[in-house]
Protein backbone atom coordinates (compact mmCIF):
# COMPACT_ATOMS: atom_id res chain seq x y z
CA MET A 1 0.00 0.00 0.00
CA THR A 2 2.80 2.30 0.89
CA GLN A 3 4.55 1.51 -2.40
CA ALA A 4 1.38 2.22 -4.43
CA THR A 5 0.96 5.51 -2.65
CA GLN A 6 4.49 6.51 -3.61
CA LEU A 7 3.77 5.77 -7.28
CA ILE A 8 0.83 8.18 -7.36
CA ARG A 9 2.15 11.63 -8.24
CA PRO A 10 0.23 14.75 -7.20
CA ARG A 11 -1.70 16.36 -10.07
CA PRO A 12 -0.22 19.73 -11.11
CA SER A 13 -2.23 22.79 -10.19
CA LEU A 14 -4.21 24.71 -12.81
CA ALA A 15 -1.76 27.61 -12.59
CA GLY A 16 1.14 25.28 -13.19
CA ARG A 17 -0.48 23.75 -16.25
CA ILE A 18 -1.25 27.19 -17.69
CA ALA A 19 2.31 28.34 -17.03
CA ARG A 20 3.77 25.34 -18.84
CA SER A 21 1.46 25.99 -21.81
CA VAL A 22 2.06 29.73 -22.03
CA LEU A 23 5.78 29.78 -21.28
CA PRO A 24 6.89 28.42 -24.69
CA LEU A 25 4.69 31.02 -26.41
CA LEU A 26 6.23 33.77 -24.32
CA VAL A 27 9.74 32.57 -25.11
CA LEU A 28 8.87 32.36 -28.81
CA GLY A 29 7.33 35.85 -28.75
CA PHE A 30 10.39 37.25 -27.01
CA ALA A 31 12.70 35.62 -29.56
CA LEU A 32 10.64 36.98 -32.44
CA GLY A 33 10.67 40.42 -30.83
CA LEU A 34 14.47 40.37 -30.68
CA TRP A 35 14.67 39.16 -34.26
CA GLN A 36 12.23 41.79 -35.55
CA ARG A 37 13.04 44.54 -33.08
CA GLU A 38 14.35 46.87 -35.77
CA ARG A 39 11.23 46.41 -37.90
CA LEU A 40 9.01 46.94 -34.87
CA TRP A 41 10.95 50.09 -33.98
CA VAL A 42 10.52 51.48 -37.51
CA TRP A 43 6.81 50.68 -37.42
CA TYR A 44 6.42 52.37 -34.02
CA CYS A 45 8.32 55.53 -35.03
CA THR A 46 6.38 55.74 -38.30
CA GLU A 47 3.06 55.49 -36.47
CA ARG A 48 4.12 58.16 -33.97
CA MET A 49 5.31 60.49 -36.74
CA GLU A 50 2.11 60.03 -38.74
CA ARG A 51 -0.10 60.69 -35.71
CA ALA A 52 1.98 63.48 -34.13
CA ALA A 53 -0.02 66.46 -32.96
CA ASP A 54 2.54 69.10 -33.97
CA ASP A 55 5.51 69.66 -36.27
CA GLU A 56 8.04 69.51 -33.42
CA SER A 57 6.99 66.00 -32.41
CA ARG A 58 6.75 64.92 -36.05
CA THR A 59 10.30 66.15 -36.67
CA ALA A 60 11.60 64.33 -33.59
CA TRP A 61 10.18 60.99 -34.77
CA GLY A 62 11.49 61.66 -38.26
CA GLU A 63 14.99 62.14 -36.85
CA LYS A 64 14.78 58.75 -35.15
CA LEU A 65 13.85 57.15 -38.46
CA ALA A 66 16.72 58.94 -40.20
CA VAL A 67 19.16 57.51 -37.66
CA THR A 68 17.73 54.03 -38.22
CA GLY A 69 18.84 54.27 -41.85
CA GLU A 70 18.03 51.83 -44.64
CA PRO A 71 15.42 49.75 -42.74
CA ALA A 72 13.24 52.90 -42.53
CA ILE A 73 13.32 53.76 -46.25
CA GLY A 74 10.25 51.72 -47.23
CA SER A 75 8.11 53.25 -44.48
CA LEU A 76 9.22 56.80 -45.30
CA LEU A 77 8.49 56.35 -49.01
CA ALA A 78 5.06 55.00 -48.08
CA LEU A 79 4.40 58.17 -46.08
CA LEU A 80 4.81 60.19 -49.30
CA ARG A 81 1.43 58.74 -50.33
CA HIS A 82 -0.18 60.55 -47.38
CA ASP A 83 -2.72 63.31 -48.03
CA GLU A 84 -1.45 65.44 -45.15
CA PRO A 85 1.27 67.87 -46.36
CA ALA A 86 2.94 68.04 -42.94
CA VAL A 87 3.45 64.26 -42.89
CA CYS A 88 4.92 64.30 -46.41
CA LEU A 89 7.30 67.12 -45.52
CA ALA A 90 8.45 65.25 -42.40
CA ALA A 91 9.09 62.09 -44.45
CA LYS A 92 11.04 64.11 -47.04
CA SER A 93 13.16 65.75 -44.33
CA SER A 94 13.90 62.37 -42.76
CA LEU A 95 15.03 60.90 -46.08
CA ALA A 96 17.18 63.96 -46.79
CA ALA A 97 18.79 63.75 -43.34
CA MET A 98 19.49 60.05 -43.90
CA THR A 99 21.56 60.73 -47.03
CA VAL A 100 23.67 63.58 -45.61
CA ALA A 101 26.48 61.29 -44.44
CA TRP A 102 26.44 59.10 -47.56
CA PRO A 103 29.14 59.78 -50.20
CA ALA A 104 27.93 60.65 -53.69
CA ASP A 105 28.87 57.23 -55.06
CA ASP A 106 27.54 55.27 -52.06
CA GLN A 107 25.50 52.27 -53.20
CA ARG A 108 22.92 53.10 -50.52
CA ARG A 109 22.19 56.42 -52.24
CA ILE A 110 21.74 54.70 -55.61
CA SER A 111 19.49 52.05 -54.07
CA LEU A 112 17.37 54.71 -52.36
CA ALA A 113 17.05 56.66 -55.62
CA GLU A 114 15.90 53.56 -57.50
CA ARG A 115 13.29 52.78 -54.85
CA PHE A 116 12.22 56.42 -54.80
CA PHE A 117 11.57 56.58 -58.55
CA ASP A 118 9.81 53.20 -58.45
CA ALA A 119 7.45 54.51 -55.76
CA GLU A 120 6.97 58.03 -57.19
CA PRO A 121 3.93 57.27 -59.41
CA ARG A 122 1.97 56.37 -56.26
CA PHE A 123 2.84 59.54 -54.33
CA SER A 124 0.00 61.85 -53.34
CA THR A 125 -0.10 65.45 -54.57
CA PRO A 126 1.56 66.79 -51.37
CA GLY A 127 3.91 63.79 -51.48
CA ARG A 128 5.01 64.62 -55.02
CA SER A 129 5.49 68.24 -53.99
CA ALA A 130 7.79 67.16 -51.16
CA ALA A 131 9.51 64.60 -53.38
CA LEU A 132 10.57 67.17 -55.97
CA ASP A 133 12.78 68.80 -53.35
CA LEU A 134 14.59 65.48 -52.82
CA VAL A 135 15.69 65.03 -56.43
CA PRO A 136 19.05 66.92 -56.16
CA ASP A 137 20.09 64.85 -53.12
CA LEU A 138 19.27 61.62 -54.92
CA LEU A 139 21.24 62.52 -58.05
CA ARG A 140 24.60 63.15 -56.42
CA GLY A 141 25.72 59.76 -57.66
CA ARG A 142 25.65 61.12 -61.25
CA SER A 143 23.94 58.03 -62.62
CA PRO A 144 22.72 58.74 -66.21
CA GLU A 145 19.82 56.32 -65.78
CA LEU A 146 18.65 58.04 -62.61
CA LYS A 147 18.94 61.44 -64.28
CA GLU A 148 16.61 60.26 -67.02
CA ARG A 149 14.13 59.03 -64.45
CA ALA A 150 14.32 62.39 -62.66
CA ARG A 151 13.63 64.21 -65.92
CA GLY A 152 10.63 61.99 -66.55
CA MET A 153 9.33 62.79 -63.07
CA ILE A 154 9.71 66.54 -63.72
CA ALA A 155 7.99 66.29 -67.10
CA THR A 156 5.04 64.58 -65.39
CA ALA A 157 4.98 67.22 -62.64
CA ALA A 158 4.82 69.94 -65.32
CA LYS A 159 1.43 68.51 -66.32
CA SER A 160 0.08 68.33 -62.77
CA GLU A 161 -3.27 69.88 -61.88
CA SER A 162 -1.55 71.56 -58.92
CA VAL A 163 -0.23 75.07 -59.62
CA ASP A 164 2.39 74.70 -56.88
CA ILE A 165 3.74 71.47 -58.36
CA ARG A 166 3.98 73.00 -61.84
CA VAL A 167 6.02 75.88 -60.40
CA GLN A 168 8.15 73.38 -58.48
CA ALA A 169 8.75 71.43 -61.68
CA ILE A 170 10.25 74.57 -63.24
CA ALA A 171 12.55 75.09 -60.24
CA ALA A 172 13.62 71.42 -60.30
CA ALA A 173 14.33 71.56 -64.05
CA LEU A 174 16.72 74.48 -63.45
CA ARG A 175 19.00 72.53 -61.12
CA PRO A 176 22.38 71.68 -62.68
CA ASP A 177 22.16 68.00 -61.72
CA VAL A 178 18.91 67.69 -63.70
CA ASP A 179 19.04 70.42 -66.39
CA CYS A 180 15.87 69.55 -68.30
CA LEU A 181 14.27 72.92 -69.03
CA GLU A 182 12.93 71.58 -72.32
CA ALA A 183 10.60 69.35 -70.28
CA VAL A 184 8.80 72.39 -68.86
CA SER A 185 8.72 74.59 -71.98
CA LEU A 186 4.99 73.94 -72.40
CA LEU A 187 4.41 76.01 -69.26
CA LEU A 188 5.10 79.22 -71.19
CA GLY A 189 1.48 78.86 -72.31
CA ASP A 190 0.05 77.83 -68.95
CA ASP A 191 -3.38 79.14 -67.93
CA VAL A 192 -2.07 80.56 -64.65
CA PRO A 193 0.00 83.80 -64.78
CA GLU A 194 2.10 82.72 -61.80
CA VAL A 195 3.26 79.63 -63.68
CA ARG A 196 3.95 81.60 -66.88
CA ARG A 197 6.06 84.09 -64.93
CA ALA A 198 8.20 81.31 -63.46
CA ALA A 199 8.48 79.66 -66.88
CA VAL A 200 9.62 82.74 -68.80
CA LEU A 201 12.10 83.62 -66.07
CA ALA A 202 13.66 80.15 -66.18
CA LEU A 203 13.41 79.44 -69.89
CA GLY A 204 14.46 82.86 -71.09
CA ALA A 205 17.80 82.89 -69.29
CA VAL A 206 21.07 82.39 -71.17
CA ARG A 207 22.61 79.02 -70.37
CA ASP A 208 26.15 78.53 -69.10
CA GLY A 209 28.79 77.20 -71.43
CA GLY A 210 27.36 78.84 -74.53
CA ARG A 211 24.66 76.21 -74.91
CA ALA A 212 21.51 76.95 -76.88
CA PRO A 213 18.63 78.39 -74.84
CA ALA A 214 15.83 76.05 -73.82
CA VAL A 215 13.36 78.04 -75.97
CA SER A 216 13.84 80.16 -79.09
CA ASP A 217 13.57 83.94 -79.36
CA ASP A 218 10.32 83.48 -81.30
CA GLU A 219 8.72 81.75 -78.31
CA LEU A 220 9.83 84.57 -76.04
CA LEU A 221 8.48 87.16 -78.48
CA ARG A 222 5.01 85.66 -78.06
CA CYS A 223 5.31 86.42 -74.34
CA LEU A 224 5.37 90.12 -75.24
CA HIS A 225 1.65 89.82 -76.07
CA ASP A 226 0.73 88.01 -72.85
CA SER A 227 -2.33 89.21 -70.91
CA ASP A 228 -0.17 89.51 -67.77
CA ALA A 229 2.02 92.61 -67.54
CA GLU A 230 4.69 90.84 -65.47
CA VAL A 231 5.04 88.08 -68.07
CA ARG A 232 5.49 90.75 -70.75
CA ARG A 233 8.13 92.52 -68.68
CA LEU A 234 10.03 89.29 -67.97
CA GLY A 235 9.87 88.31 -71.62
CA GLU A 236 11.42 91.60 -72.71
CA MET A 237 14.04 91.37 -69.97
CA SER A 238 15.01 87.87 -71.16
CA LEU A 239 15.38 89.03 -74.76
CA ARG A 240 17.63 91.89 -73.68
CA GLY A 241 19.66 89.38 -71.68
CA ARG A 242 20.19 87.49 -74.92
CA GLY A 243 21.65 90.61 -76.51
CA ARG A 244 18.60 91.74 -78.48
CA SER A 245 18.40 95.49 -79.08
CA PRO A 246 15.27 97.57 -78.34
CA ARG A 247 14.72 97.81 -82.12
CA ASP A 248 14.97 94.01 -82.50
CA ILE A 249 12.45 93.56 -79.69
CA ARG A 250 10.08 96.16 -81.12
CA LEU A 251 10.11 94.58 -84.58
CA GLY A 252 9.96 91.09 -83.14
CA LYS A 253 6.92 92.00 -81.09
CA ARG A 254 5.09 93.02 -84.28
CA TYR A 255 6.30 89.89 -86.03
CA ALA A 256 4.80 87.72 -83.24
CA ALA A 257 1.55 89.72 -82.91
CA PRO A 258 -1.66 87.64 -82.88
CA ASN A 259 -3.28 90.23 -85.21
CA PRO A 260 -2.30 89.62 -88.88
CA ALA A 261 -2.60 93.36 -89.66
CA GLU A 262 -0.08 94.14 -86.95
CA ARG A 263 2.28 91.45 -88.28
CA SER A 264 2.12 92.92 -91.79
CA LYS A 265 3.68 96.13 -90.54
């Protein structure tokens, strides 16, 4: 009897059984957390930045993502699809800060640029506006292929419904690393005077190195008949900058007049 009693083991308590069942799951969860801690950190910072109540907090979370580096790139590019301009600007600033320490020929910069241009068609309007400011940073590697992709992005921005983005496209086309003023030449005839002013100012300037201007004198002469006085003034100023005399401009203005009777003079 005594021997039988010794063979009977006490039944574990309910708490003990639960602990033995849950403990492996806890260990597994902890191990996964360590393995994915960087991804979880990026997700947490991204959520905080997106939901921040003010620009100061948003900037602080963006700085944390910039320090994280490459693992944060996908999340930051995704934020450029956001409809909130402040979120897009914070994402742009974080990406720009990330690249500051990278040399021009760093493979990380090239990889980021490729991912950026792949994602660009899905950017929101405020995201595209923020993204245009990033283009010079991304092109420091001097990759011809990336330059072509940047020019395609600017040409698309020149056709945007947003006035601000069309003006930004002109500014981006002027940058030496891009130099694609021809892609925005259609904006000389834009419906909005503000855009036409920016276009004639950029397109009318004489290029460095003796290169041909982005638009011909004839196209500038048509600006002298614009409905906006500032466009007319900038058009004349650009022609003078190209060495045209007052007499040349006066005759050219008649030559480009919309009225056939005026042209015949």
